[in-house]
Each structure stands twice: as C-alpha cells, then as structure tokens.
Amino acid sequence: MGQNVPMTISADDSGRARIVTAVLRDGDRVLLCHRSAGRRWYPDVWDLPGGHVDEGEDPKESLVRELREELGITASEPSSPPMHEIRTATFDMQIWLIDRWTGTPVNAAPDEHDAVAWFETSDLDRLRLAHESYPSMLTAVLAT
C-alpha cells in the first residue's frame, strides 16, 4: 500500500466502464450507500456498494475488493452469475446478491458515500435511487 501505483479502469470494447455492485441482504433488509450531493456522477442518490473493475482484474475479484474498501467487510467471490445487469451508453454494471460476509458493514469510504443504511421493502418508495430498475429488483430480492 505504500506505493502510489496508477490505477487503470477497465472498459469493454465500446469504451464503457465496467462496474460491479452488490445487493447486500440481511434477512428482510438491504444495505444501500448514499452518494453525496457533491459527487460528479449520480449525486444525492442511494446506490449499491461497489465500483469499477480495474484493468486486468476479474469482476468477482473486483466486487470482493470494493466491498472491503467501501464497507470494511470480507465477502467470498460469488459462485453464481450476476443476478442483474445494467447496460448504458457509458457503463456496464453487473450486480450480485451477497447474503453472507464477515464483519459489520460501515462507511469505510466517506469520500465516496456520506452514509450507509439498511432498508426494508416499505422504505424503498421514499428513496431517490440511482437507477430506475432498483425498486423492482430490490423488492424481488426481499420477497425471496
């Protein structure tokens, strides 16, 4: 960690960023991260924890790294494919369901989020979420 090695963000052939995120589920609630109002991309919304895939990094490895960096938890690499994918003009996002980890999630990256919190299905309608597909996806996850 003592070296300042430049990080290269991985992109697909179209130049879109590759992003990995997780739905952390604990019983009847999911964990979301609030992106501060001053953020350049998707400010002042609740989002899933995760981030960019580094150049040469496997997406599942990226997810484990991002959860450790952002939430201070240790998750195993997912053994299943992503539960959901979002493709836009600027990014491709893979979303995995994570319901087992070690440690207690905290806001370990206050430069990325100003809060982390657990929400139940009844809370989702009042939140500004980062993507239009999140309410139905999160409701489905909490219904199982």
Protein backbone atom coordinates (compact mmCIF):
# COMPACT_ATOMS: atom_id res chain seq x y z
CA MET A 1 0.00 0.00 0.00
CA GLY A 2 2.98 2.30 0.38
CA GLN A 3 3.42 2.65 -3.37
CA ASN A 4 1.43 5.06 -5.48
CA VAL A 5 0.63 2.84 -8.43
CA PRO A 6 -1.61 4.42 -11.06
CA MET A 7 -4.93 2.63 -11.36
CA THR A 8 -6.38 1.90 -14.76
CA ILE A 9 -10.13 1.46 -15.02
CA SER A 10 -11.20 -1.41 -17.19
CA ALA A 11 -13.52 -0.73 -20.11
CA ASP A 12 -15.14 -3.03 -22.61
CA ASP A 13 -14.62 -2.84 -26.39
CA SER A 14 -17.13 0.01 -26.66
CA GLY A 15 -15.25 2.15 -24.14
CA ARG A 16 -17.94 1.77 -21.46
CA ALA A 17 -16.68 1.44 -17.88
CA ARG A 18 -17.09 -1.95 -16.21
CA ILE A 19 -18.76 -1.70 -12.80
CA VAL A 20 -19.53 -4.36 -10.19
CA THR A 21 -22.03 -3.91 -7.36
CA ALA A 22 -23.73 -5.98 -4.70
CA VAL A 23 -27.12 -6.22 -3.12
CA LEU A 24 -26.20 -6.99 0.50
CA ARG A 25 -29.19 -8.74 2.03
CA ASP A 26 -29.62 -9.39 5.73
CA GLY A 27 -32.98 -11.07 6.24
CA ASP A 28 -35.70 -8.61 5.24
CA ARG A 29 -33.42 -5.66 4.57
CA VAL A 30 -30.79 -4.48 2.07
CA LEU A 31 -27.83 -2.17 2.52
CA LEU A 32 -27.55 0.96 0.38
CA CYS A 33 -24.92 3.70 0.21
CA HIS A 34 -25.84 7.38 -0.13
CA ARG A 35 -23.78 9.25 -2.72
CA SER A 36 -23.09 12.77 -1.50
CA ALA A 37 -24.65 15.76 -3.23
CA GLY A 38 -21.23 16.96 -4.38
CA ARG A 39 -20.46 13.84 -6.42
CA ARG A 40 -19.97 14.33 -10.14
CA TRP A 41 -21.78 11.13 -11.18
CA TYR A 42 -25.18 10.26 -9.71
CA PRO A 43 -25.15 12.78 -6.83
CA ASP A 44 -27.57 12.69 -3.88
CA VAL A 45 -28.97 9.21 -4.51
CA TRP A 46 -28.95 5.85 -2.73
CA ASP A 47 -26.89 3.29 -4.60
CA LEU A 48 -25.47 -0.20 -4.30
CA PRO A 49 -21.98 -0.67 -2.88
CA GLY A 50 -19.35 -1.45 -5.50
CA GLY A 51 -17.19 0.22 -8.07
CA HIS A 52 -15.02 -0.04 -11.15
CA VAL A 53 -13.23 -3.15 -12.33
CA ASP A 54 -9.51 -2.42 -12.50
CA GLU A 55 -7.60 -3.27 -15.69
CA GLY A 56 -6.81 -7.00 -15.76
CA GLU A 57 -9.00 -7.72 -12.72
CA ASP A 58 -11.72 -10.37 -12.70
CA PRO A 59 -15.14 -8.80 -11.94
CA LYS A 60 -15.74 -11.15 -8.99
CA GLU A 61 -12.35 -10.20 -7.51
CA SER A 62 -13.26 -6.53 -8.03
CA LEU A 63 -16.51 -7.00 -6.14
CA VAL A 64 -14.73 -8.55 -3.13
CA ARG A 65 -12.15 -5.73 -3.18
CA GLU A 66 -14.78 -2.98 -3.49
CA LEU A 67 -16.86 -4.38 -0.59
CA ARG A 68 -13.73 -4.49 1.58
CA GLU A 69 -12.73 -0.92 0.61
CA GLU A 70 -16.19 0.66 0.88
CA LEU A 71 -17.79 -1.30 3.73
CA GLY A 72 -14.91 -2.93 5.60
CA ILE A 73 -16.36 -6.43 5.15
CA THR A 74 -14.96 -9.65 3.75
CA ALA A 75 -17.16 -11.45 1.22
CA SER A 76 -16.32 -14.55 -0.75
CA GLU A 77 -16.22 -14.35 -4.53
CA PRO A 78 -19.71 -15.10 -5.85
CA SER A 79 -20.08 -18.61 -7.22
CA SER A 80 -23.13 -17.74 -9.32
CA PRO A 81 -23.53 -15.36 -12.25
CA PRO A 82 -24.76 -11.81 -11.61
CA MET A 83 -28.41 -11.56 -10.62
CA HIS A 84 -28.91 -8.44 -12.76
CA GLU A 85 -27.03 -6.41 -15.35
CA ILE A 86 -27.45 -2.80 -16.42
CA ARG A 87 -26.02 -1.52 -19.71
CA THR A 88 -25.94 2.17 -20.58
CA ALA A 89 -24.06 4.29 -23.08
CA THR A 90 -21.28 4.88 -20.53
CA PHE A 91 -21.10 1.76 -18.35
CA ASP A 92 -21.90 -1.94 -17.99
CA MET A 93 -22.82 -2.94 -14.44
CA GLN A 94 -23.01 -6.44 -13.00
CA ILE A 95 -24.99 -6.87 -9.76
CA TRP A 96 -24.55 -9.85 -7.44
CA LEU A 97 -26.65 -10.89 -4.44
CA ILE A 98 -24.47 -11.21 -1.35
CA ASP A 99 -26.08 -12.56 1.79
CA ARG A 100 -23.04 -13.83 3.68
CA TRP A 101 -19.95 -11.91 4.73
CA THR A 102 -17.60 -11.41 7.67
CA GLY A 103 -17.55 -8.15 9.60
CA THR A 104 -20.06 -5.37 10.16
CA PRO A 105 -20.68 -3.04 7.22
CA VAL A 106 -19.58 0.54 7.93
CA ASN A 107 -18.95 3.58 5.77
CA ALA A 108 -15.27 2.81 5.19
CA ALA A 109 -15.11 5.17 2.19
CA PRO A 110 -16.53 8.54 3.34
CA ASP A 111 -15.03 10.13 0.22
CA GLU A 112 -17.46 8.02 -1.85
CA HIS A 113 -20.57 7.95 0.38
CA ASP A 114 -21.85 10.16 3.15
CA ALA A 115 -23.99 7.37 4.68
CA VAL A 116 -24.75 3.67 4.59
CA ALA A 117 -28.02 2.27 5.90
CA TRP A 118 -30.26 -0.78 5.92
CA PHE A 119 -33.69 -0.58 4.28
CA GLU A 120 -36.78 -2.78 4.15
CA THR A 121 -39.20 -3.01 1.21
CA SER A 122 -41.51 -0.41 2.79
CA ASP A 123 -38.65 2.14 2.81
CA LEU A 124 -37.79 1.93 -0.90
CA ASP A 125 -40.59 4.17 -2.22
CA ARG A 126 -39.31 7.20 -0.30
CA LEU A 127 -35.70 6.92 -1.52
CA ARG A 128 -34.05 8.57 -4.50
CA LEU A 129 -32.35 5.55 -6.04
CA ALA A 130 -29.50 5.65 -8.55
CA HIS A 131 -31.25 3.59 -11.22
CA GLU A 132 -34.86 3.07 -12.26
CA SER A 133 -34.52 -0.73 -12.12
CA TYR A 134 -33.52 -0.77 -8.42
CA PRO A 135 -37.01 -0.65 -6.80
CA SER A 136 -38.33 -3.74 -8.58
CA MET A 137 -35.01 -5.60 -8.29
CA LEU A 138 -34.68 -4.87 -4.55
CA THR A 139 -38.34 -5.68 -3.88
CA ALA A 140 -37.89 -9.04 -5.64
CA VAL A 141 -34.73 -9.80 -3.63
CA LEU A 142 -36.52 -9.03 -0.36
CA ALA A 143 -39.54 -11.15 -1.32
CA THR A 144 -37.44 -14.33 -1.55
